[in-house]
Every structure is written in C-alpha cells, then in structure tokens.
Protein backbone atom coordinates (compact mmCIF):
# COMPACT_ATOMS: atom_id res chain seq x y z
CA MET A 1 0.00 0.00 0.00
CA LYS A 2 1.35 3.43 -0.93
CA GLU A 3 1.93 6.20 1.57
CA TYR A 4 1.44 9.88 0.74
CA LYS A 5 2.88 12.97 2.37
CA VAL A 6 2.58 16.72 1.82
CA GLU A 7 5.36 19.13 2.71
CA SER A 8 4.84 22.88 2.53
CA LEU A 9 7.28 25.77 2.39
CA ILE A 10 6.29 29.40 2.95
CA TYR A 11 8.12 32.48 1.67
CA TYR A 12 7.21 36.09 2.32
CA THR A 13 7.60 38.96 -0.09
CA LYS A 14 9.93 41.78 0.79
CA ILE A 15 10.52 45.24 -0.58
CA THR A 16 13.15 44.87 -3.29
CA PHE A 17 13.79 45.70 -6.92
CA ASP A 18 14.46 41.99 -7.58
CA LYS A 19 11.07 40.63 -8.62
CA GLU A 20 12.46 37.06 -8.61
CA HIS A 21 13.69 37.13 -4.99
CA ILE A 22 11.26 34.44 -3.83
CA ILE A 23 12.42 32.00 -6.50
CA LYS A 24 16.05 32.70 -5.68
CA ASP A 25 15.46 32.29 -1.94
CA SER A 26 13.31 29.18 -2.25
CA THR A 27 15.34 27.16 -4.76
CA LYS A 28 17.96 25.93 -2.27
CA ASP A 29 15.34 25.15 0.39
CA ILE A 30 13.20 23.18 -2.05
CA GLN A 31 16.21 21.23 -3.30
CA ASP A 32 17.23 20.47 0.30
CA LYS A 33 13.69 19.21 1.03
CA LEU A 34 13.75 17.01 -2.09
CA ASN A 35 17.11 15.52 -1.09
CA GLU A 36 15.91 14.92 2.48
CA MET A 37 12.76 13.15 1.32
CA ALA A 38 14.61 11.08 -1.31
CA LYS A 39 16.94 9.72 1.38
CA ASP A 40 13.84 8.32 3.09
CA ARG A 41 12.63 6.81 -0.23
CA TRP A 42 9.89 9.38 -0.89
CA ARG A 43 9.25 10.27 -4.54
CA LEU A 44 7.93 13.66 -5.65
CA ILE A 45 4.66 13.16 -7.53
CA SER A 46 3.21 16.65 -7.76
CA THR A 47 3.68 20.28 -6.79
CA ASP A 48 1.50 23.29 -6.31
CA ALA A 49 1.94 26.91 -5.27
CA THR A 50 -0.40 29.64 -4.18
CA ASP A 51 -0.11 33.15 -2.86
CA PHE A 52 -2.01 34.72 -0.02
CA GLY A 53 -1.34 38.29 1.00
CA PHE A 54 2.41 38.74 1.30
CA ALA A 55 3.23 35.02 1.30
CA VAL A 56 3.80 32.34 -1.33
CA TYR A 57 3.10 28.75 -0.33
CA PHE A 58 4.82 25.87 -2.11
CA TYR A 59 3.31 22.39 -1.67
CA LEU A 60 5.31 19.26 -2.47
CA TYR A 61 3.40 15.97 -2.72
CA PHE A 62 5.30 12.72 -2.15
CA GLU A 63 4.58 9.01 -2.26
CA ARG A 64 6.42 5.82 -1.41
C-alpha cells in the first residue's frame, strides 16, 4: 500500500527591486527538502503553489 505525504514551504515577499527574490530564496530550500525526502525513499509526484497576502506557499506531494 502506498503512503502519501505533503510538505509545505512558505516564503514572504519583501521590498526589493528583484522581482524574482522568492524564487532565488526558495530554490535551495526546495532542493534540500527534495534531497531529504529522497533519502527516506519518498518520490515527488506533484507540486502546487499559491499566494495569499504577502506570502507564497509551495506544496510538495510525495509518495512511497
């Protein structure tokens, strides 16, 4: 039987001229999360992202 897990990461906007600052800040954290989950035999099956106010939420869906 397969197991499923959702991991979420939250990033807040800041005042800057760099409109891609959230992507730059989140890339390393997301890669670290993927590596951590892969070590425990989880496989990424889907992703989603949404914004709410001054925050961006990234959702990573895993199965094993």
